[in-house]
Amino acid sequence: MYDLAVMWEWIAFSVRWLHVITAMAWIGASFYFIALDLMLKPNPALPDGAYGEEWEVHGGGFYHTVKYLVAPARMPEHLTWHKWQSYTTWLSGAALLMIIYWVGGELFLLDPTKVDLALWQGILISGGSLTIGWLLYDQMCKSKLSDHPTVLMLLLFVILVIMSWGYNQIFTGRAALLHLGAFTATIMTANVFFQIMPNQRIVVEDLKAGRTPDAKYGKIAKVRSTHNNYLTLPVVFLMLSNHYPLAFGTEYSWIIASLIFLTGVTIRHYFNTMHSTGKGPHWTWAVTVILMVIIAWLSSVRPTETWEDAEARELTPYEQKYASAAGFEAAYDTVLGNCSMCHAREPVYGTMKWAPKKVYLETPGDVARQADQIYLQAGISHAMPPPSAVQMDEEARQTIVAWINEVRDQ
C-alpha cells in the first residue's frame, strides 16, 4: 500500500516549489519595473506622450525602453501583461497554507497553550482573516487618505502590527508569522487583481475605441504598485521565518514581525532612491542594522513553557491518539535516546541554545504531537538525527515505523 504520508509530503514539496518559482518571477518583475520607472530619463526627441526612456545592456544586446505616462497614440500590436506571476504565487501559496496549516492544523496551526479552539474554528480564523486587511486597506486608498500617502502607509503599518499581535494570541509561532505573510501577500495580489489590472484594461479599451485615456487610471495603478514594492521584502522574511525558531519561537515574535516591515521600508527606500538619483541614502542601512540588533535581542527571550509545564499539560485528542497506541512506549524511549538532546527546551548537545525549528521531543505529549514528522524524518528516511550527531540504527527506526502503523491500524 502506497504510504499516504509520503505522498502528502511530496505534494506539499511540489506546491512549495511552484510557490517559490512563481514568487521569484513576481518579485523579479516587480523590482525590475520599479527600478526601470525610477531610471527613466527625459529626451526631447521622444514621441508625443512619452514620459522618458532608458537604455540597458544585457545578454549581449541593447534594450531601448520608452514609457508613456498615460498611453501611446494608438494600441500597439503586441502587448505583454504581467499578471500571471502574482496570481499563481497567491494561489500556490493559498494551496500550501491549506496543505500545511489546515490539513495539518492539529500539529502546525493551533497552540493549545494559548487558546482552546477546535480545528475548524482555527481554519475559519485562518481563511477569514486574510480578507480583512485588503478590505480595510482598499477603503483607505479610496478615501481622502489617498492624498496623504505617508499617513496611508502608517495606518497600513498599524493594521499589520495589530494582526501580528492577534495571530500570535491564537496560532503557533510558525503559523502566526506565516499567516501575517499571507495576510500581506493577499493585499498585494488583490492590488493587482482589483486595481492595477482593471485600470490598465480601461486604458486599453479607451485606446481601442479611439478615446484619449484618463491619466487617473495610470496613477492609481502606480500607487498600488509602489505599495507592493515596499511590502515585498517583509513578506519574503515571513515566508522564510518558519525555518528559524529565533524569529517565531519567542514571546515577542509579533514585535519582531512588526519591525521587519520597517526594515523592508528602509531597504527599499535605499534602492529606490539609488535607481532614481544614482546614489542611495546610506543612513537607511544604519537604521536597518539598528532594527536588526533590536530584533536579535528580542529573539533571545527564552521560551515561556518549561519542561514541567509541558509535562503537566493535558494531552489533546490528537496527541492522545498517538500516545495510547501499543508501540508508543518503545518509540518514546527511542526518541528520547536519539533526539531529545537537541530537541529540548534546554538542549544539551554541543553549544546548541535552541531546539531546531522549536520542535520539542521531551514529554509524551511532545512526541505524540510530532508523530507524523518523527515518522517522516527518522522512521522512513534518515534525515534525522544528523549522522554527525547520533548514529541511529535501523532497529530504532523500525520501532518508530511500527508505532505509527499501530496508530493507523486502530
Protein backbone atom coordinates (compact mmCIF):
# COMPACT_ATOMS: atom_id res chain seq x y z
CA MET A 1 0.00 0.00 0.00
CA TYR A 2 1.40 3.35 -1.00
CA ASP A 3 2.25 5.45 2.06
CA LEU A 4 -0.20 8.38 2.21
CA ALA A 5 2.14 10.38 4.45
CA VAL A 6 4.93 10.14 1.87
CA MET A 7 2.62 11.11 -0.97
CA TRP A 8 1.26 14.07 1.02
CA GLU A 9 4.77 15.24 1.85
CA TRP A 10 5.72 15.22 -1.83
CA ILE A 11 2.54 17.10 -2.74
CA ALA A 12 3.47 19.76 -0.18
CA PHE A 13 7.03 19.90 -1.51
CA SER A 14 5.82 20.25 -5.12
CA VAL A 15 3.38 23.04 -4.26
CA ARG A 16 6.09 24.80 -2.24
CA TRP A 17 8.45 24.55 -5.22
CA LEU A 18 5.80 26.05 -7.51
CA HIS A 19 5.20 28.81 -4.96
CA VAL A 20 8.87 29.72 -4.78
CA ILE A 21 9.27 29.70 -8.59
CA THR A 22 6.29 31.96 -9.20
CA ALA A 23 7.23 34.22 -6.28
CA MET A 24 10.67 34.76 -7.81
CA ALA A 25 9.02 35.64 -11.12
CA TRP A 26 6.62 38.09 -9.45
CA ILE A 27 9.22 39.74 -7.22
CA GLY A 28 11.73 39.93 -10.05
CA ALA A 29 9.25 41.61 -12.39
CA SER A 30 8.10 43.98 -9.65
CA PHE A 31 11.60 45.05 -8.70
CA TYR A 32 12.61 45.43 -12.32
CA PHE A 33 9.72 47.69 -13.30
CA ILE A 34 10.06 49.86 -10.19
CA ALA A 35 13.78 50.29 -10.93
CA LEU A 36 13.07 50.93 -14.61
CA ASP A 37 10.45 53.53 -13.78
CA LEU A 38 12.85 55.37 -11.47
CA MET A 39 15.72 55.30 -14.00
CA LEU A 40 13.77 56.82 -16.92
CA LYS A 41 15.41 59.88 -18.44
CA PRO A 42 13.67 62.67 -20.43
CA ASN A 43 14.52 63.16 -24.09
CA PRO A 44 13.06 65.91 -26.34
CA ALA A 45 13.19 63.54 -29.30
CA LEU A 46 10.74 61.07 -27.76
CA PRO A 47 7.32 60.59 -29.40
CA ASP A 48 4.35 62.61 -28.22
CA GLY A 49 3.02 61.40 -24.89
CA ALA A 50 6.27 59.64 -23.96
CA TYR A 51 7.46 60.31 -20.42
CA GLY A 52 11.04 59.03 -20.55
CA GLU A 53 13.42 56.41 -21.89
CA GLU A 54 16.07 54.05 -20.62
CA TRP A 55 18.89 52.25 -22.43
CA GLU A 56 20.05 48.94 -20.94
CA VAL A 57 22.54 46.27 -21.89
CA HIS A 58 22.05 42.63 -21.00
CA GLY A 59 22.65 39.21 -22.51
CA GLY A 60 24.81 40.50 -25.33
CA GLY A 61 22.36 43.09 -26.60
CA PHE A 62 20.95 46.58 -26.02
CA TYR A 63 17.41 47.35 -24.94
CA HIS A 64 15.67 50.67 -25.52
CA THR A 65 12.62 51.18 -23.31
CA VAL A 66 10.21 54.10 -23.67
CA LYS A 67 7.45 54.77 -21.16
CA TYR A 68 4.20 56.58 -21.93
CA LEU A 69 2.83 58.29 -18.85
CA VAL A 70 -0.77 57.65 -19.94
CA ALA A 71 -0.77 55.70 -23.21
CA PRO A 72 0.62 55.84 -26.77
CA ALA A 73 -1.41 57.41 -29.56
CA ARG A 74 -2.62 54.02 -30.77
CA MET A 75 -2.85 50.50 -29.44
CA PRO A 76 0.38 48.54 -30.09
CA GLU A 77 0.18 45.23 -31.96
CA HIS A 78 1.97 43.30 -29.22
CA LEU A 79 1.21 43.95 -25.55
CA THR A 80 2.59 41.81 -22.71
CA TRP A 81 0.56 41.67 -19.49
CA HIS A 82 2.35 40.95 -16.23
CA LYS A 83 -0.28 39.31 -14.07
CA TRP A 84 0.13 35.55 -14.03
CA GLN A 85 3.15 35.79 -11.70
CA SER A 86 1.07 37.44 -8.97
CA TYR A 87 -1.97 35.22 -9.36
CA THR A 88 -0.02 31.96 -9.44
CA THR A 89 2.07 32.98 -6.45
CA TRP A 90 -1.02 33.68 -4.38
CA LEU A 91 -2.91 30.59 -5.50
CA SER A 92 0.03 28.26 -4.87
CA GLY A 93 0.64 29.95 -1.50
CA ALA A 94 -3.01 29.51 -0.54
CA ALA A 95 -2.81 25.84 -1.52
CA LEU A 96 0.34 25.39 0.55
CA LEU A 97 -1.30 27.08 3.54
CA MET A 98 -4.22 24.68 3.28
CA ILE A 99 -1.96 21.64 2.98
CA ILE A 100 0.24 22.50 5.95
CA TYR A 101 -1.91 24.59 8.26
CA TRP A 102 -5.41 23.26 7.55
CA VAL A 103 -4.91 19.56 6.84
CA GLY A 104 -2.04 19.52 9.34
CA GLY A 105 -3.75 22.02 11.60
CA GLU A 106 -3.69 19.97 14.80
CA LEU A 107 0.10 19.92 14.60
CA PHE A 108 1.08 23.20 12.95
CA LEU A 109 -1.82 25.67 13.27
CA LEU A 110 -3.25 25.71 16.78
CA ASP A 111 -1.37 26.22 20.02
CA PRO A 112 -3.37 24.69 22.89
CA THR A 113 -1.27 26.57 25.44
CA LYS A 114 -2.64 29.88 24.09
CA VAL A 115 -6.31 29.23 23.41
CA ASP A 116 -8.66 26.26 23.34
CA LEU A 117 -10.12 26.10 19.83
CA ALA A 118 -11.44 23.32 17.65
CA LEU A 119 -9.55 22.81 14.42
CA TRP A 120 -12.50 24.02 12.33
CA GLN A 121 -12.54 27.26 14.32
CA GLY A 122 -8.84 27.77 13.67
CA ILE A 123 -9.34 27.15 9.96
CA LEU A 124 -12.17 29.69 9.83
CA ILE A 125 -9.96 32.30 11.51
CA SER A 126 -7.08 31.38 9.19
CA GLY A 127 -9.06 31.79 5.98
CA GLY A 128 -11.38 34.59 7.04
CA SER A 129 -8.69 36.84 8.46
CA LEU A 130 -6.82 37.06 5.15
CA THR A 131 -9.53 39.24 3.64
CA ILE A 132 -9.71 41.79 6.47
CA GLY A 133 -6.52 43.59 5.56
CA TRP A 134 -7.48 44.04 1.92
CA LEU A 135 -10.93 45.43 2.75
CA LEU A 136 -9.56 47.99 5.22
CA TYR A 137 -6.60 48.96 3.06
CA ASP A 138 -8.70 49.28 -0.11
CA GLN A 139 -11.22 51.55 1.61
CA MET A 140 -8.40 53.74 2.93
CA CYS A 141 -6.88 54.02 -0.53
CA LYS A 142 -10.23 55.08 -1.97
CA SER A 143 -10.81 57.68 0.75
CA LYS A 144 -9.30 61.13 1.15
CA LEU A 145 -6.29 59.43 2.75
CA SER A 146 -5.08 58.74 -0.78
CA ASP A 147 -3.98 62.40 -0.84
CA HIS A 148 -1.69 61.70 2.12
CA PRO A 149 0.47 58.69 1.13
CA THR A 150 2.64 58.81 4.26
CA VAL A 151 -0.37 58.73 6.57
CA LEU A 152 -1.82 55.91 4.48
CA MET A 153 1.33 53.82 4.85
CA LEU A 154 1.44 54.46 8.61
CA LEU A 155 -2.14 53.28 9.01
CA LEU A 156 -1.35 50.16 6.99
CA PHE A 157 1.58 49.53 9.33
CA VAL A 158 -0.75 49.84 12.34
CA ILE A 159 -3.07 47.24 10.80
CA LEU A 160 -0.13 44.90 10.26
CA VAL A 161 1.04 45.30 13.88
CA ILE A 162 -2.46 44.56 15.18
CA MET A 163 -2.74 41.45 13.01
CA SER A 164 0.74 40.32 14.07
CA TRP A 165 -0.31 40.51 17.71
CA GLY A 166 -3.69 38.91 17.04
CA TYR A 167 -2.30 35.93 15.15
CA ASN A 168 0.21 35.35 17.95
CA GLN A 169 -2.62 35.07 20.50
CA ILE A 170 -4.16 32.11 18.67
CA PHE A 171 -1.74 30.27 16.42
CA THR A 172 1.61 28.59 16.91
CA GLY A 173 4.58 30.88 16.38
CA ARG A 174 5.28 29.41 12.95
CA ALA A 175 1.68 29.72 11.85
CA ALA A 176 1.34 33.27 13.21
CA LEU A 177 4.23 34.67 11.17
CA LEU A 178 3.27 32.67 8.09
CA HIS A 179 -0.29 33.97 8.28
CA LEU A 180 0.94 37.54 8.64
CA GLY A 181 2.92 37.00 5.43
CA ALA A 182 -0.16 35.54 3.71
CA PHE A 183 -2.26 38.45 5.04
CA THR A 184 0.17 40.93 3.46
CA ALA A 185 0.53 38.95 0.23
CA THR A 186 -3.25 38.91 -0.12
CA ILE A 187 -3.25 42.71 -0.07
CA MET A 188 -0.54 42.72 -2.73
CA THR A 189 -2.27 40.26 -5.07
CA ALA A 190 -5.65 41.96 -4.55
CA ASN A 191 -3.97 45.21 -5.60
CA VAL A 192 -3.05 43.56 -8.87
CA PHE A 193 -6.40 41.81 -9.42
CA PHE A 194 -8.83 44.50 -8.29
CA GLN A 195 -6.97 47.73 -9.08
CA ILE A 196 -3.86 47.55 -11.24
CA MET A 197 -5.18 45.23 -13.94
CA PRO A 198 -8.73 46.68 -14.20
CA ASN A 199 -7.38 50.23 -14.51
CA GLN A 200 -4.94 49.16 -17.20
CA ARG A 201 -7.77 47.42 -19.07
CA ILE A 202 -9.75 50.67 -19.04
CA VAL A 203 -6.81 52.44 -20.69
CA VAL A 204 -6.51 49.67 -23.30
CA GLU A 205 -10.23 49.80 -24.09
CA ASP A 206 -10.05 53.59 -24.50
CA LEU A 207 -7.19 53.19 -26.96
CA LYS A 208 -9.09 50.58 -28.95
CA ALA A 209 -12.14 52.86 -29.09
CA GLY A 210 -10.09 55.85 -30.20
CA ARG A 211 -10.66 57.75 -26.95
CA THR A 212 -7.98 59.61 -25.00
CA PRO A 213 -7.31 57.60 -21.82
CA ASP A 214 -7.71 59.35 -18.47
CA ALA A 215 -4.39 59.73 -16.64
CA LYS A 216 -6.01 58.94 -13.27
CA TYR A 217 -6.16 55.22 -14.03
CA GLY A 218 -2.42 55.00 -14.53
CA LYS A 219 -1.82 56.96 -11.32
CA ILE A 220 -3.98 54.57 -9.28
CA ALA A 221 -2.10 51.57 -10.64
CA LYS A 222 1.25 53.27 -9.94
CA VAL A 223 0.35 53.94 -6.28
CA ARG A 224 -0.70 50.34 -5.68
CA SER A 225 2.45 49.03 -7.40
CA THR A 226 4.59 51.24 -5.17
CA HIS A 227 2.89 49.90 -2.05
CA ASN A 228 3.53 46.34 -3.24
CA ASN A 229 7.16 47.23 -3.75
CA TYR A 230 7.61 48.20 -0.11
CA LEU A 231 5.73 45.16 1.21
CA THR A 232 7.68 42.56 -0.77
CA LEU A 233 10.77 42.10 1.41
CA PRO A 234 8.87 41.66 4.69
CA VAL A 235 6.67 39.01 3.04
CA VAL A 236 9.79 37.10 1.93
CA PHE A 237 11.14 37.24 5.51
CA LEU A 238 7.86 35.98 6.97
CA MET A 239 7.70 33.11 4.49
CA LEU A 240 11.23 32.07 5.46
CA SER A 241 10.68 32.55 9.19
CA ASN A 242 9.31 29.05 9.81
CA HIS A 243 12.86 27.73 9.39
CA TYR A 244 14.23 29.89 12.21
CA PRO A 245 12.90 29.50 15.78
CA LEU A 246 14.57 32.75 16.78
CA ALA A 247 12.07 34.52 14.52
CA PHE A 248 8.87 32.72 15.51
CA GLY A 249 9.62 30.92 18.77
CA THR A 250 9.87 33.74 21.29
CA GLU A 251 7.41 35.69 23.40
CA TYR A 252 7.98 38.78 21.27
CA SER A 253 7.76 37.24 17.80
CA TRP A 254 4.85 39.55 16.95
CA ILE A 255 7.08 42.58 17.63
CA ILE A 256 9.87 41.03 15.57
CA ALA A 257 7.47 40.61 12.65
CA SER A 258 6.30 44.21 13.02
CA LEU A 259 9.85 45.57 12.99
CA ILE A 260 10.61 43.58 9.85
CA PHE A 261 8.10 45.72 7.98
CA LEU A 262 10.17 48.78 8.92
CA THR A 263 13.35 47.16 7.60
CA GLY A 264 11.51 46.49 4.34
CA VAL A 265 10.80 50.21 4.03
CA THR A 266 14.37 51.28 4.79
CA ILE A 267 15.96 48.78 2.40
CA ARG A 268 13.59 49.51 -0.46
CA HIS A 269 13.94 53.26 0.11
CA TYR A 270 17.69 52.92 -0.37
CA PHE A 271 17.40 51.05 -3.66
CA ASN A 272 14.51 53.13 -4.98
CA THR A 273 16.45 56.33 -4.28
CA MET A 274 19.61 54.88 -5.82
CA HIS A 275 17.74 53.95 -9.01
CA SER A 276 16.23 57.43 -9.17
CA THR A 277 19.27 59.58 -8.33
CA GLY A 278 22.25 57.28 -8.77
CA LYS A 279 23.11 57.44 -5.07
CA GLY A 280 21.25 55.84 -2.18
CA PRO A 281 20.88 57.36 1.32
CA HIS A 282 23.32 55.40 3.46
CA TRP A 283 21.51 56.26 6.69
CA THR A 284 18.92 53.66 5.72
CA TRP A 285 21.47 50.88 6.28
CA ALA A 286 22.29 52.22 9.73
CA VAL A 287 18.61 52.23 10.64
CA THR A 288 18.22 48.70 9.24
CA VAL A 289 21.17 47.43 11.31
CA ILE A 290 19.74 49.03 14.47
CA LEU A 291 16.37 47.39 13.82
CA MET A 292 18.02 44.00 13.27
CA VAL A 293 20.00 44.36 16.52
CA ILE A 294 16.74 45.03 18.36
CA ILE A 295 15.18 42.01 16.65
CA ALA A 296 18.13 39.81 17.65
CA TRP A 297 17.82 40.99 21.25
CA LEU A 298 14.07 40.27 21.33
CA SER A 299 14.69 36.81 19.89
CA SER A 300 16.93 35.84 22.83
CA VAL A 301 14.00 35.57 25.24
CA ARG A 302 13.70 32.00 26.44
CA PRO A 303 10.51 30.00 25.78
CA THR A 304 7.82 30.63 28.37
CA GLU A 305 6.75 26.97 28.60
CA THR A 306 9.08 24.93 30.84
CA TRP A 307 9.51 21.16 30.82
CA GLU A 308 7.37 20.98 33.95
CA ASP A 309 4.61 22.97 32.25
CA ALA A 310 4.70 20.68 29.23
CA GLU A 311 4.70 17.55 31.40
CA ALA A 312 1.67 18.77 33.35
CA ARG A 313 -0.33 19.85 30.30
CA GLU A 314 -3.27 17.64 29.40
CA LEU A 315 -2.90 15.83 26.09
CA THR A 316 -5.12 16.92 23.21
CA PRO A 317 -7.27 14.28 21.43
CA TYR A 318 -4.74 14.30 18.56
CA GLU A 319 -1.85 13.62 20.97
CA GLN A 320 -3.85 11.06 22.94
CA LYS A 321 -4.47 9.04 19.76
CA TYR A 322 -0.73 8.53 19.24
CA ALA A 323 0.21 8.25 22.92
CA SER A 324 -2.29 5.46 23.55
CA ALA A 325 -1.03 3.23 20.71
CA ALA A 326 0.58 -0.07 21.67
CA GLY A 327 4.01 0.83 20.29
CA PHE A 328 4.22 4.29 21.83
CA GLU A 329 6.33 3.43 24.87
CA ALA A 330 9.10 1.81 22.82
CA ALA A 331 9.00 4.66 20.27
CA TYR A 332 9.07 7.25 23.05
CA ASP A 333 12.20 5.67 24.55
CA THR A 334 13.77 5.61 21.08
CA VAL A 335 13.08 9.31 20.53
CA LEU A 336 14.38 10.26 23.99
CA GLY A 337 17.61 8.36 23.34
CA ASN A 338 18.21 9.72 19.85
CA CYS A 339 16.52 13.10 19.52
CA SER A 340 15.82 14.86 22.81
CA MET A 341 19.38 16.06 23.41
CA CYS A 342 18.79 18.61 20.63
CA HIS A 343 15.00 18.86 20.63
CA ALA A 344 14.71 20.05 24.23
CA ARG A 345 13.61 23.27 25.85
CA GLU A 346 17.18 23.50 27.11
CA PRO A 347 19.30 21.49 24.63
CA VAL A 348 22.33 19.67 25.98
CA TYR A 349 24.03 18.85 22.67
CA GLY A 350 27.19 20.85 21.93
CA THR A 351 26.71 24.60 22.01
CA MET A 352 23.09 24.44 20.83
CA LYS A 353 20.91 27.05 22.51
CA TRP A 354 17.52 26.40 20.89
CA ALA A 355 15.74 23.32 19.62
CA PRO A 356 15.78 23.15 15.79
CA LYS A 357 12.58 24.76 14.45
CA LYS A 358 11.37 24.87 18.08
CA VAL A 359 10.41 21.20 17.85
CA TYR A 360 10.48 19.73 21.36
CA LEU A 361 10.72 15.95 21.88
CA GLU A 362 10.90 15.54 25.65
CA THR A 363 7.48 14.71 27.10
CA PRO A 364 5.00 12.09 25.91
CA GLY A 365 2.82 14.95 24.65
CA ASP A 366 5.73 16.39 22.67
CA VAL A 367 6.48 13.11 20.95
CA ALA A 368 2.82 12.30 20.26
CA ARG A 369 2.26 15.79 18.82
CA GLN A 370 5.18 15.41 16.39
CA ALA A 371 4.35 11.81 15.44
CA ASP A 372 3.97 12.35 11.69
CA GLN A 373 7.18 14.34 11.41
CA ILE A 374 9.11 11.82 13.53
CA TYR A 375 7.86 9.11 11.18
CA LEU A 376 8.94 11.02 8.07
CA GLN A 377 12.22 12.40 9.40
CA ALA A 378 13.53 9.44 11.42
CA GLY A 379 11.32 6.48 10.52
CA ILE A 380 11.21 6.00 6.78
CA SER A 381 14.01 8.45 5.99
CA HIS A 382 17.40 9.11 7.57
CA ALA A 383 17.04 12.88 7.63
CA MET A 384 17.16 12.88 11.43
CA PRO A 385 19.12 12.65 13.59
CA PRO A 386 22.14 14.09 11.76
CA PRO A 387 24.71 11.30 11.28
CA SER A 388 27.41 13.54 12.76
CA ALA A 389 25.39 13.80 15.98
CA VAL A 390 23.84 10.39 16.60
CA GLN A 391 24.10 7.08 14.76
CA MET A 392 20.55 5.75 14.85
CA ASP A 393 20.35 2.08 13.88
CA GLU A 394 17.69 0.55 11.64
CA GLU A 395 16.05 -1.30 14.52
CA ALA A 396 15.34 2.00 16.26
CA ARG A 397 13.83 3.45 13.08
CA GLN A 398 11.61 0.41 12.65
CA THR A 399 10.36 0.91 16.22
CA ILE A 400 9.06 4.32 15.14
CA VAL A 401 7.50 2.88 11.97
CA ALA A 402 5.83 0.10 13.96
CA TRP A 403 4.32 2.68 16.34
CA ILE A 404 2.80 4.70 13.51
CA ASN A 405 1.47 1.55 11.88
CA GLU A 406 -0.21 0.67 15.17
CA VAL A 407 -1.98 4.02 15.14
CA ARG A 408 -3.15 3.52 11.55
CA ASP A 409 -4.49 0.06 12.38
CA GLN A 410 -6.59 1.34 15.28
